[in-house]
PDB file of N, CA and C in Angstrom:
ATOM      1  N   MET A   1      -5.572  -2.890 -14.145  1.00  0.00           N
ATOM      2  CA  MET A   1      -6.007  -2.040 -13.059  1.00  0.00           C
ATOM      3  C   MET A   1      -7.086  -1.059 -13.500  1.00  0.00           C
ATOM      4  N   ALA A   2      -7.196  -0.813 -14.786  1.00  0.00           N
ATOM      5  CA  ALA A   2      -8.129   0.206 -15.249  1.00  0.00           C
ATOM      6  C   ALA A   2      -9.579  -0.206 -15.061  1.00  0.00           C
ATOM      7  N   GLY A   3      -9.895  -1.475 -15.102  1.00  0.00           N
ATOM      8  CA  GLY A   3     -11.276  -1.923 -15.025  1.00  0.00           C
ATOM      9  C   GLY A   3     -11.759  -2.238 -13.629  1.00  0.00           C
ATOM     10  N   ILE A   4     -10.965  -1.989 -12.622  1.00  0.00           N
ATOM     11  CA  ILE A   4     -11.359  -2.346 -11.258  1.00  0.00           C
ATOM     12  C   ILE A   4     -12.558  -1.520 -10.804  1.00  0.00           C
ATOM     13  N   GLY A   5     -12.546  -0.236 -11.101  1.00  0.00           N
ATOM     14  CA  GLY A   5     -13.668   0.613 -10.709  1.00  0.00           C
ATOM     15  C   GLY A   5     -14.972   0.170 -11.335  1.00  0.00           C
ATOM     16  N   PHE A   6     -14.921  -0.249 -12.592  1.00  0.00           N
ATOM     17  CA  PHE A   6     -16.129  -0.739 -13.259  1.00  0.00           C
ATOM     18  C   PHE A   6     -16.628  -2.021 -12.599  1.00  0.00           C
ATOM     19  N   GLU A   7     -15.702  -2.894 -12.234  1.00  0.00           N
ATOM     20  CA  GLU A   7     -16.076  -4.144 -11.573  1.00  0.00           C
ATOM     21  C   GLU A   7     -16.691  -3.877 -10.207  1.00  0.00           C
ATOM     22  N   LEU A   8     -16.128  -2.929  -9.476  1.00  0.00           N
ATOM     23  CA  LEU A   8     -16.687  -2.587  -8.164  1.00  0.00           C
ATOM     24  C   LEU A   8     -18.081  -1.987  -8.300  1.00  0.00           C
ATOM     25  N   ARG A   9     -18.290  -1.155  -9.296  1.00  0.00           N
ATOM     26  CA  ARG A   9     -19.637  -0.595  -9.519  1.00  0.00           C
ATOM     27  C   ARG A   9     -20.636  -1.683  -9.886  1.00  0.00           C
ATOM     28  N   ARG A  10     -20.185  -2.668 -10.684  1.00  0.00           N
ATOM     29  CA  ARG A  10     -21.071  -3.764 -11.074  1.00  0.00           C
ATOM     30  C   ARG A  10     -21.472  -4.591  -9.853  1.00  0.00           C
ATOM     31  N   ILE A  11     -20.519  -4.821  -8.956  1.00  0.00           N
ATOM     32  CA  ILE A  11     -20.818  -5.577  -7.735  1.00  0.00           C
ATOM     33  C   ILE A  11     -21.783  -4.793  -6.852  1.00  0.00           C
ATOM     34  N   LEU A  12     -21.585  -3.488  -6.741  1.00  0.00           N
ATOM     35  CA  LEU A  12     -22.437  -2.666  -5.877  1.00  0.00           C
ATOM     36  C   LEU A  12     -23.852  -2.485  -6.423  1.00  0.00           C
ATOM     37  N   LYS A  13     -24.086  -2.728  -7.712  1.00  0.00           N
ATOM     38  CA  LYS A  13     -25.426  -2.575  -8.287  1.00  0.00           C
ATOM     39  C   LYS A  13     -26.404  -3.620  -7.770  1.00  0.00           C
ATOM     40  N   ARG A  14     -25.890  -4.708  -7.190  1.00  0.00           N
ATOM     41  CA  ARG A  14     -26.775  -5.743  -6.654  1.00  0.00           C
ATOM     42  C   ARG A  14     -27.550  -5.246  -5.445  1.00  0.00           C
ATOM     43  N   ASP A  15     -27.033  -4.216  -4.764  1.00  0.00           N
ATOM     44  CA  ASP A  15     -27.739  -3.511  -3.689  1.00  0.00           C
ATOM     45  C   ASP A  15     -28.160  -4.421  -2.540  1.00  0.00           C
ATOM     46  N   ASN A  16     -27.224  -5.221  -2.032  1.00  0.00           N
ATOM     47  CA  ASN A  16     -27.459  -5.967  -0.802  1.00  0.00           C
ATOM     48  C   ASN A  16     -26.200  -5.920   0.052  1.00  0.00           C
ATOM     49  N   LEU A  17     -26.302  -6.402   1.260  1.00  0.00           N
ATOM     50  CA  LEU A  17     -25.202  -6.283   2.207  1.00  0.00           C
ATOM     51  C   LEU A  17     -23.998  -7.121   1.797  1.00  0.00           C
ATOM     52  N   SER A  18     -24.238  -8.305   1.245  1.00  0.00           N
ATOM     53  CA  SER A  18     -23.106  -9.154   0.850  1.00  0.00           C
ATOM     54  C   SER A  18     -22.328  -8.538  -0.319  1.00  0.00           C
ATOM     55  N   SER A  19     -23.017  -7.867  -1.236  1.00  0.00           N
ATOM     56  CA  SER A  19     -22.294  -7.215  -2.333  1.00  0.00           C
ATOM     57  C   SER A  19     -21.487  -6.025  -1.821  1.00  0.00           C
ATOM     58  N   LEU A  20     -22.004  -5.338  -0.802  1.00  0.00           N
ATOM     59  CA  LEU A  20     -21.261  -4.233  -0.204  1.00  0.00           C
ATOM     60  C   LEU A  20     -19.972  -4.743   0.441  1.00  0.00           C
ATOM     61  N   PHE A  21     -20.067  -5.830   1.225  1.00  0.00           N
ATOM     62  CA  PHE A  21     -18.869  -6.422   1.833  1.00  0.00           C
ATOM     63  C   PHE A  21     -17.921  -6.952   0.766  1.00  0.00           C
ATOM     64  N   GLY A  22     -18.471  -7.535  -0.294  1.00  0.00           N
ATOM     65  CA  GLY A  22     -17.630  -8.053  -1.372  1.00  0.00           C
ATOM     66  C   GLY A  22     -16.860  -6.951  -2.081  1.00  0.00           C
ATOM     67  N   ALA A  23     -17.533  -5.841  -2.349  1.00  0.00           N
ATOM     68  CA  ALA A  23     -16.874  -4.727  -3.031  1.00  0.00           C
ATOM     69  C   ALA A  23     -15.785  -4.113  -2.157  1.00  0.00           C
ATOM     70  N   TYR A  24     -16.079  -3.911  -0.868  1.00  0.00           N
ATOM     71  CA  TYR A  24     -15.058  -3.351   0.023  1.00  0.00           C
ATOM     72  C   TYR A  24     -13.906  -4.329   0.234  1.00  0.00           C
ATOM     73  N   GLY A  25     -14.207  -5.616   0.292  1.00  0.00           N
ATOM     74  CA  GLY A  25     -13.141  -6.613   0.425  1.00  0.00           C
ATOM     75  C   GLY A  25     -12.243  -6.640  -0.790  1.00  0.00           C
ATOM     76  N   LEU A  26     -12.843  -6.597  -1.972  1.00  0.00           N
ATOM     77  CA  LEU A  26     -12.063  -6.585  -3.209  1.00  0.00           C
ATOM     78  C   LEU A  26     -11.210  -5.315  -3.307  1.00  0.00           C
ATOM     79  N   ALA A  27     -11.772  -4.182  -2.938  1.00  0.00           N
ATOM     80  CA  ALA A  27     -11.015  -2.930  -2.966  1.00  0.00           C
ATOM     81  C   ALA A  27      -9.854  -2.965  -1.973  1.00  0.00           C
ATOM     82  N   SER A  28     -10.068  -3.558  -0.815  1.00  0.00           N
ATOM     83  CA  SER A  28      -8.974  -3.621   0.164  1.00  0.00           C
ATOM     84  C   SER A  28      -7.869  -4.557  -0.305  1.00  0.00           C
ATOM     85  N   ILE A  29      -8.220  -5.635  -0.980  1.00  0.00           N
ATOM     86  CA  ILE A  29      -7.202  -6.546  -1.508  1.00  0.00           C
ATOM     87  C   ILE A  29      -6.378  -5.841  -2.581  1.00  0.00           C
ATOM     88  N   PHE A  30      -7.030  -5.136  -3.479  1.00  0.00           N
ATOM     89  CA  PHE A  30      -6.297  -4.441  -4.541  1.00  0.00           C
ATOM     90  C   PHE A  30      -5.442  -3.304  -4.002  1.00  0.00           C
ATOM     91  N   SER A  31      -5.938  -2.597  -2.998  1.00  0.00           N
ATOM     92  CA  SER A  31      -5.173  -1.456  -2.496  1.00  0.00           C
ATOM     93  C   SER A  31      -4.005  -1.877  -1.626  1.00  0.00           C
ATOM     94  N   SER A  32      -4.109  -3.005  -0.946  1.00  0.00           N
ATOM     95  CA  SER A  32      -3.012  -3.428  -0.068  1.00  0.00           C
ATOM     96  C   SER A  32      -2.198  -4.560  -0.664  1.00  0.00           C
ATOM     97  N   GLY A  33      -2.419  -4.897  -1.916  1.00  0.00           N
ATOM     98  CA  GLY A  33      -1.728  -6.012  -2.553  1.00  0.00           C
ATOM     99  C   GLY A  33      -0.211  -5.941  -2.512  1.00  0.00           C
ATOM    100  N   PRO A  34       0.409  -4.849  -2.943  1.00  0.00           N
ATOM    101  CA  PRO A  34       1.875  -4.783  -2.909  1.00  0.00           C
ATOM    102  C   PRO A  34       2.449  -4.905  -1.507  1.00  0.00           C
ATOM    103  N   TRP A  35       1.797  -4.306  -0.525  1.00  0.00           N
ATOM    104  CA  TRP A  35       2.269  -4.394   0.844  1.00  0.00           C
ATOM    105  C   TRP A  35       2.178  -5.830   1.347  1.00  0.00           C
ATOM    106  N   VAL A  36       1.066  -6.490   1.069  1.00  0.00           N
ATOM    107  CA  VAL A  36       0.896  -7.874   1.512  1.00  0.00           C
ATOM    108  C   VAL A  36       1.921  -8.778   0.830  1.00  0.00           C
ATOM    109  N   LEU A  37       2.188  -8.552  -0.445  1.00  0.00           N
ATOM    110  CA  LEU A  37       3.183  -9.370  -1.143  1.00  0.00           C
ATOM    111  C   LEU A  37       4.577  -9.177  -0.563  1.00  0.00           C
ATOM    112  N   SER A  38       4.921  -7.967  -0.174  1.00  0.00           N
ATOM    113  CA  SER A  38       6.245  -7.755   0.411  1.00  0.00           C
ATOM    114  C   SER A  38       6.351  -8.421   1.779  1.00  0.00           C
ATOM    115  N   VAL A  39       5.293  -8.390   2.570  1.00  0.00           N
ATOM    116  CA  VAL A  39       5.312  -9.067   3.866  1.00  0.00           C
ATOM    117  C   VAL A  39       5.408 -10.579   3.664  1.00  0.00           C
ATOM    118  N   LEU A  40       4.672 -11.111   2.710  1.00  0.00           N
ATOM    119  CA  LEU A  40       4.768 -12.548   2.419  1.00  0.00           C
ATOM    120  C   LEU A  40       6.157 -12.919   1.918  1.00  0.00           C
ATOM    121  N   GLY A  41       6.787 -12.035   1.158  1.00  0.00           N
ATOM    122  CA  GLY A  41       8.153 -12.283   0.693  1.00  0.00           C
ATOM    123  C   GLY A  41       9.147 -12.352   1.841  1.00  0.00           C
ATOM    124  N   VAL A  42       8.996 -11.460   2.816  1.00  0.00           N
ATOM    125  CA  VAL A  42       9.877 -11.495   3.984  1.00  0.00           C
ATOM    126  C   VAL A  42       9.636 -12.771   4.783  1.00  0.00           C
ATOM    127  N   MET A  43       8.382 -13.179   4.913  1.00  0.00           N
ATOM    128  CA  MET A  43       8.085 -14.427   5.613  1.00  0.00           C
ATOM    129  C   MET A  43       8.688 -15.621   4.882  1.00  0.00           C
ATOM    130  N   LEU A  44       8.607 -15.615   3.568  1.00  0.00           N
ATOM    131  CA  LEU A  44       9.173 -16.707   2.781  1.00  0.00           C
ATOM    132  C   LEU A  44      10.694 -16.770   2.944  1.00  0.00           C
ATOM    133  N   ILE A  45      11.333 -15.620   2.976  1.00  0.00           N
ATOM    134  CA  ILE A  45      12.787 -15.586   3.213  1.00  0.00           C
ATOM    135  C   ILE A  45      13.108 -16.192   4.574  1.00  0.00           C
ATOM    136  N   GLY A  46      12.323 -15.865   5.582  1.00  0.00           N
ATOM    137  CA  GLY A  46      12.537 -16.428   6.912  1.00  0.00           C
ATOM    138  C   GLY A  46      12.348 -17.932   6.947  1.00  0.00           C
ATOM    139  N   ILE A  47      11.340 -18.430   6.245  1.00  0.00           N
ATOM    140  CA  ILE A  47      11.089 -19.880   6.218  1.00  0.00           C
ATOM    141  C   ILE A  47      12.179 -20.608   5.460  1.00  0.00           C
ATOM    142  N   VAL A  48      12.592 -20.069   4.324  1.00  0.00           N
ATOM    143  CA  VAL A  48      13.638 -20.717   3.531  1.00  0.00           C
ATOM    144  C   VAL A  48      14.965 -20.704   4.289  1.00  0.00           C
ATOM    145  N   SER A  49      15.250 -19.628   4.985  1.00  0.00           N
ATOM    146  CA  SER A  49      16.527 -19.548   5.703  1.00  0.00           C
ATOM    147  C   SER A  49      16.581 -20.509   6.884  1.00  0.00           C
ATOM    148  N   LEU A  50      15.435 -20.963   7.375  1.00  0.00           N
ATOM    149  CA  LEU A  50      15.440 -21.964   8.438  1.00  0.00           C
ATOM    150  C   LEU A  50      16.015 -23.292   7.955  1.00  0.00           C
ATOM    151  N   SER A  51      15.774 -23.611   6.685  1.00  0.00           N
ATOM    152  CA  SER A  51      16.270 -24.878   6.152  1.00  0.00           C
ATOM    153  C   SER A  51      17.748 -24.791   5.759  1.00  0.00           C
ATOM    154  N   LEU A  52      18.294 -23.596   5.658  1.00  0.00           N
ATOM    155  CA  LEU A  52      19.706 -23.426   5.332  1.00  0.00           C
ATOM    156  C   LEU A  52      20.542 -23.479   6.612  1.00  0.00           C
ATOM    157  N   SER A  53      21.821 -23.455   6.451  1.00  0.00           N
ATOM    158  CA  SER A  53      22.696 -23.500   7.630  1.00  0.00           C
ATOM    159  C   SER A  53      22.976 -22.095   8.138  1.00  0.00           C
ATOM    160  N   VAL A  54      21.914 -21.398   8.521  1.00  0.00           N
ATOM    161  CA  VAL A  54      22.019 -20.048   9.068  1.00  0.00           C
ATOM    162  C   VAL A  54      21.578 -20.115  10.528  1.00  0.00           C
ATOM    163  N   ARG A  55      22.312 -19.435  11.387  1.00  0.00           N
ATOM    164  CA  ARG A  55      21.948 -19.448  12.805  1.00  0.00           C
ATOM    165  C   ARG A  55      20.629 -18.726  13.026  1.00  0.00           C
ATOM    166  N   ASP A  56      19.895 -19.184  14.040  1.00  0.00           N
ATOM    167  CA  ASP A  56      18.586 -18.608  14.332  1.00  0.00           C
ATOM    168  C   ASP A  56      18.675 -17.125  14.680  1.00  0.00           C
ATOM    169  N   ILE A  57      19.713 -16.734  15.392  1.00  0.00           N
ATOM    170  CA  ILE A  57      19.840 -15.334  15.789  1.00  0.00           C
ATOM    171  C   ILE A  57      20.009 -14.429  14.576  1.00  0.00           C
ATOM    172  N   GLU A  58      20.704 -14.896  13.546  1.00  0.00           N
ATOM    173  CA  GLU A  58      20.872 -14.089  12.329  1.00  0.00           C
ATOM    174  C   GLU A  58      19.556 -13.949  11.577  1.00  0.00           C
ATOM    175  N   ILE A  59      18.765 -15.000  11.549  1.00  0.00           N
ATOM    176  CA  ILE A  59      17.449 -14.936  10.903  1.00  0.00           C
ATOM    177  C   ILE A  59      16.562 -13.936  11.634  1.00  0.00           C
ATOM    178  N   ILE A  60      16.567 -14.010  12.949  1.00  0.00           N
ATOM    179  CA  ILE A  60      15.730 -13.112  13.749  1.00  0.00           C
ATOM    180  C   ILE A  60      16.177 -11.663  13.575  1.00  0.00           C
ATOM    181  N   GLN A  61      17.483 -11.427  13.583  1.00  0.00           N
ATOM    182  CA  GLN A  61      17.983 -10.063  13.399  1.00  0.00           C
ATOM    183  C   GLN A  61      17.584  -9.518  12.030  1.00  0.00           C
ATOM    184  N   PHE A  62      17.680 -10.350  11.003  1.00  0.00           N
ATOM    185  CA  PHE A  62      17.300  -9.902   9.668  1.00  0.00           C
ATOM    186  C   PHE A  62      15.816  -9.569   9.603  1.00  0.00           C
ATOM    187  N   LEU A  63      14.972 -10.461  10.105  1.00  0.00           N
ATOM    188  CA  LEU A  63      13.529 -10.240  10.022  1.00  0.00           C
ATOM    189  C   LEU A  63      13.095  -9.029  10.841  1.00  0.00           C
ATOM    190  N   VAL A  64      13.697  -8.848  11.999  1.00  0.00           N
ATOM    191  CA  VAL A  64      13.353  -7.685  12.823  1.00  0.00           C
ATOM    192  C   VAL A  64      13.788  -6.391  12.143  1.00  0.00           C
ATOM    193  N   SER A  65      14.993  -6.374  11.567  1.00  0.00           N
ATOM    194  CA  SER A  65      15.464  -5.142  10.922  1.00  0.00           C
ATOM    195  C   SER A  65      14.621  -4.807   9.695  1.00  0.00           C
ATOM    196  N   VAL A  66      14.255  -5.797   8.901  1.00  0.00           N
ATOM    197  CA  VAL A  66      13.415  -5.534   7.727  1.00  0.00           C
ATOM    198  C   VAL A  66      12.029  -5.070   8.157  1.00  0.00           C
ATOM    199  N   THR A  67      11.485  -5.664   9.204  1.00  0.00           N
ATOM    200  CA  THR A  67      10.158  -5.261   9.688  1.00  0.00           C
ATOM    201  C   THR A  67      10.168  -3.817  10.167  1.00  0.00           C
ATOM    202  N   TYR A  68      11.184  -3.444  10.932  1.00  0.00           N
ATOM    203  CA  TYR A  68      11.271  -2.057  11.395  1.00  0.00           C
ATOM    204  C   TYR A  68      11.498  -1.088  10.229  1.00  0.00           C
ATOM    205  N   GLN A  69      12.301  -1.473   9.265  1.00  0.00           N
ATOM    206  CA  GLN A  69      12.519  -0.597   8.109  1.00  0.00           C
ATOM    207  C   GLN A  69      11.234  -0.390   7.329  1.00  0.00           C
ATOM    208  N   MET A  70      10.453  -1.445   7.158  1.00  0.00           N
ATOM    209  CA  MET A  70       9.178  -1.308   6.448  1.00  0.00           C
ATOM    210  C   MET A  70       8.212  -0.428   7.230  1.00  0.00           C
ATOM    211  N   ALA A  71       8.143  -0.623   8.545  1.00  0.00           N
ATOM    212  CA  ALA A  71       7.227   0.173   9.367  1.00  0.00           C
ATOM    213  C   ALA A  71       7.601   1.652   9.346  1.00  0.00           C
ATOM    214  N   ILE A  72       8.871   1.944   9.482  1.00  0.00           N
ATOM    215  CA  ILE A  72       9.320   3.345   9.473  1.00  0.00           C
ATOM    216  C   ILE A  72       9.091   3.966   8.095  1.00  0.00           C
ATOM    217  N   SER A  73       9.391   3.212   7.056  1.00  0.00           N
ATOM    218  CA  SER A  73       9.192   3.718   5.699  1.00  0.00           C
ATOM    219  C   SER A  73       7.723   4.024   5.422  1.00  0.00           C
ATOM    220  N   LEU A  74       6.834   3.118   5.807  1.00  0.00           N
ATOM    221  CA  LEU A  74       5.400   3.346   5.586  1.00  0.00           C
ATOM    222  C   LEU A  74       4.887   4.523   6.412  1.00  0.00           C
ATOM    223  N   THR A  75       5.385   4.658   7.622  1.00  0.00           N
ATOM    224  CA  THR A  75       4.938   5.760   8.473  1.00  0.00           C
ATOM    225  C   THR A  75       5.389   7.109   7.920  1.00  0.00           C
ATOM    226  N   LEU A  76       6.660   7.222   7.575  1.00  0.00           N
ATOM    227  CA  LEU A  76       7.175   8.498   7.067  1.00  0.00           C
ATOM    228  C   LEU A  76       6.580   8.851   5.707  1.00  0.00           C
ATOM    229  N   SER A  77       6.516   7.890   4.800  1.00  0.00           N
ATOM    230  CA  SER A  77       5.963   8.199   3.481  1.00  0.00           C
ATOM    231  C   SER A  77       4.462   8.446   3.554  1.00  0.00           C
ATOM    232  N   GLY A  78       3.786   7.817   4.513  1.00  0.00           N
ATOM    233  CA  GLY A  78       2.347   8.037   4.669  1.00  0.00           C
ATOM    234  C   GLY A  78       2.024   9.457   5.080  1.00  0.00           C
ATOM    235  N   LEU A  79       2.869  10.027   5.935  1.00  0.00           N
ATOM    236  CA  LEU A  79       2.641  11.418   6.344  1.00  0.00           C
ATOM    237  C   LEU A  79       2.690  12.354   5.141  1.00  0.00           C
ATOM    238  N   PHE A  80       3.741  12.204   4.326  1.00  0.00           N
ATOM    239  CA  PHE A  80       3.857  13.054   3.141  1.00  0.00           C
ATOM    240  C   PHE A  80       2.741  12.763   2.143  1.00  0.00           C
ATOM    241  N   GLN A  81       2.404  11.501   1.988  1.00  0.00           N
ATOM    242  CA  GLN A  81       1.405  11.118   0.998  1.00  0.00           C
ATOM    243  C   GLN A  81       0.038  11.717   1.313  1.00  0.00           C
ATOM    244  N   HIS A  82      -0.390  11.650   2.559  1.00  0.00           N
ATOM    245  CA  HIS A  82      -1.713  12.162   2.904  1.00  0.00           C
ATOM    246  C   HIS A  82      -1.778  13.683   2.806  1.00  0.00           C
ATOM    247  N   VAL A  83      -0.764  14.339   3.292  1.00  0.00           N
ATOM    248  CA  VAL A  83      -0.756  15.807   3.231  1.00  0.00           C
ATOM    249  C   VAL A  83      -0.678  16.265   1.781  1.00  0.00           C
ATOM    250  N   PHE A  84       0.190  15.642   0.993  1.00  0.00           N
ATOM    251  CA  PHE A  84       0.348  16.059  -0.399  1.00  0.00           C
ATOM    252  C   PHE A  84      -0.899  15.752  -1.226  1.00  0.00           C
ATOM    253  N   THR A  85      -1.535  14.633  -0.967  1.00  0.00           N
ATOM    254  CA  THR A  85      -2.767  14.293  -1.700  1.00  0.00           C
ATOM    255  C   THR A  85      -3.852  15.321  -1.429  1.00  0.00           C
ATOM    256  N   ARG A  86      -3.982  15.741  -0.180  1.00  0.00           N
ATOM    257  CA  ARG A  86      -4.967  16.768   0.160  1.00  0.00           C
ATOM    258  C   ARG A  86      -4.617  18.092  -0.523  1.00  0.00           C
ATOM    259  N   TRP A  87      -3.337  18.436  -0.552  1.00  0.00           N
ATOM    260  CA  TRP A  87      -2.891  19.673  -1.184  1.00  0.00           C
ATOM    261  C   TRP A  87      -3.164  19.636  -2.687  1.00  0.00           C
ATOM    262  N   VAL A  88      -2.897  18.492  -3.323  1.00  0.00           N
ATOM    263  CA  VAL A  88      -3.157  18.350  -4.760  1.00  0.00           C
ATOM    264  C   VAL A  88      -4.648  18.482  -5.048  1.00  0.00           C
ATOM    265  N   ALA A  89      -5.481  17.900  -4.206  1.00  0.00           N
ATOM    266  CA  ALA A  89      -6.923  18.020  -4.407  1.00  0.00           C
ATOM    267  C   ALA A  89      -7.359  19.482  -4.333  1.00  0.00           C
ATOM    268  N   ASP A  90      -6.784  20.230  -3.415  1.00  0.00           N
ATOM    269  CA  ASP A  90      -7.115  21.652  -3.322  1.00  0.00           C
ATOM    270  C   ASP A  90      -6.651  22.417  -4.556  1.00  0.00           C
ATOM    271  N   ARG A  91      -5.452  22.124  -5.061  1.00  0.00           N
ATOM    272  CA  ARG A  91      -4.959  22.807  -6.259  1.00  0.00           C
ATOM    273  C   ARG A  91      -5.790  22.431  -7.484  1.00  0.00           C
ATOM    274  N   LEU A  92      -6.235  21.203  -7.581  1.00  0.00           N
ATOM    275  CA  LEU A  92      -7.092  20.812  -8.705  1.00  0.00           C
ATOM    276  C   LEU A  92      -8.431  21.537  -8.646  1.00  0.00           C
ATOM    277  N   TYR A  93      -8.954  21.696  -7.447  1.00  0.00           N
ATOM    278  CA  TYR A  93     -10.209  22.428  -7.290  1.00  0.00           C
ATOM    279  C   TYR A  93     -10.041  23.883  -7.704  1.00  0.00           C
ATOM    280  N   GLU A  94      -8.882  24.458  -7.385  1.00  0.00           N
ATOM    281  CA  GLU A  94      -8.609  25.851  -7.764  1.00  0.00           C
ATOM    282  C   GLU A  94      -8.199  25.991  -9.218  1.00  0.00           C
ATOM    283  N   LYS A  95      -8.047  24.858  -9.917  1.00  0.00           N
ATOM    284  CA  LYS A  95      -7.589  24.819 -11.315  1.00  0.00           C
ATOM    285  C   LYS A  95      -6.198  25.436 -11.458  1.00  0.00           C
ATOM    286  N   ARG A  96      -5.317  25.135 -10.508  1.00  0.00           N
ATOM    287  CA  ARG A  96      -3.922  25.583 -10.514  1.00  0.00           C
ATOM    288  C   ARG A  96      -3.013  24.383 -10.765  1.00  0.00           C
ATOM    289  N   ASN A  97      -3.225  23.704 -11.889  1.00  0.00           N
ATOM    290  CA  ASN A  97      -2.484  22.482 -12.208  1.00  0.00           C
ATOM    291  C   ASN A  97      -0.987  22.726 -12.370  1.00  0.00           C
ATOM    292  N   ASP A  98      -0.600  23.952 -12.692  1.00  0.00           N
ATOM    293  CA  ASP A  98       0.815  24.250 -12.919  1.00  0.00           C
ATOM    294  C   ASP A  98       1.656  24.136 -11.647  1.00  0.00           C
ATOM    295  N   LEU A  99       1.037  24.141 -10.478  1.00  0.00           N
ATOM    296  CA  LEU A  99       1.776  24.042  -9.227  1.00  0.00           C
ATOM    297  C   LEU A  99       2.029  22.597  -8.774  1.00  0.00           C
ATOM    298  N   ILE A 100       1.336  21.642  -9.382  1.00  0.00           N
ATOM    299  CA  ILE A 100       1.384  20.273  -8.862  1.00  0.00           C
ATOM    300  C   ILE A 100       2.700  19.588  -9.159  1.00  0.00           C
ATOM    301  N   LEU A 101       3.168  19.610 -10.396  1.00  0.00           N
ATOM    302  CA  LEU A 101       4.376  18.886 -10.757  1.00  0.00           C
ATOM    303  C   LEU A 101       5.610  19.388 -10.020  1.00  0.00           C
ATOM    304  N   PRO A 102       5.861  20.691  -9.925  1.00  0.00           N
ATOM    305  CA  PRO A 102       7.036  21.121  -9.158  1.00  0.00           C
ATOM    306  C   PRO A 102       6.963  20.721  -7.682  1.00  0.00           C
ATOM    307  N   SER A 103       5.768  20.766  -7.116  1.00  0.00           N
ATOM    308  CA  SER A 103       5.612  20.377  -5.717  1.00  0.00           C
ATOM    309  C   SER A 103       5.809  18.876  -5.536  1.00  0.00           C
ATOM    310  N   MET A 104       5.369  18.099  -6.505  1.00  0.00           N
ATOM    311  CA  MET A 104       5.577  16.658  -6.429  1.00  0.00           C
ATOM    312  C   MET A 104       7.059  16.329  -6.460  1.00  0.00           C
ATOM    313  N   MET A 105       7.815  17.027  -7.308  1.00  0.00           N
ATOM    314  CA  MET A 105       9.255  16.812  -7.362  1.00  0.00           C
ATOM    315  C   MET A 105       9.907  17.198  -6.035  1.00  0.00           C
ATOM    316  N   GLY A 106       9.405  18.233  -5.392  1.00  0.00           N
ATOM    317  CA  GLY A 106       9.930  18.624  -4.091  1.00  0.00           C
ATOM    318  C   GLY A 106       9.643  17.587  -3.019  1.00  0.00           C
ATOM    319  N   VAL A 107       8.462  16.999  -3.042  1.00  0.00           N
ATOM    320  CA  VAL A 107       8.111  15.975  -2.059  1.00  0.00           C
ATOM    321  C   VAL A 107       8.930  14.705  -2.292  1.00  0.00           C
ATOM    322  N   LEU A 108       9.140  14.380  -3.551  1.00  0.00           N
ATOM    323  CA  LEU A 108       9.926  13.172  -3.848  1.00  0.00           C
ATOM    324  C   LEU A 108      11.362  13.359  -3.410  1.00  0.00           C
TER     325      LEU A 108
END
């Protein structure tokens, strides 16, 4: 993960529209990778369970409950994440690094 920024800068040095789309596409894949893998995992569970002797209603109930849990989790954690990230940026600008770790523990 450490070299991704260097790779994106190398792609952007070509200075054309296709390199711009390529760099943003690559960044979006890397940033949403874990989320996409978890969604694909839930889909795979649904497909595999179709071949087993599980009733359709149970498969649907499971997939719906997992989907809602993921949506609620992302929504709630996103609120804290965006506000806290902005707060940390302000504390770093003020050079008040001593306040960040205790506040992070409070948010967690």
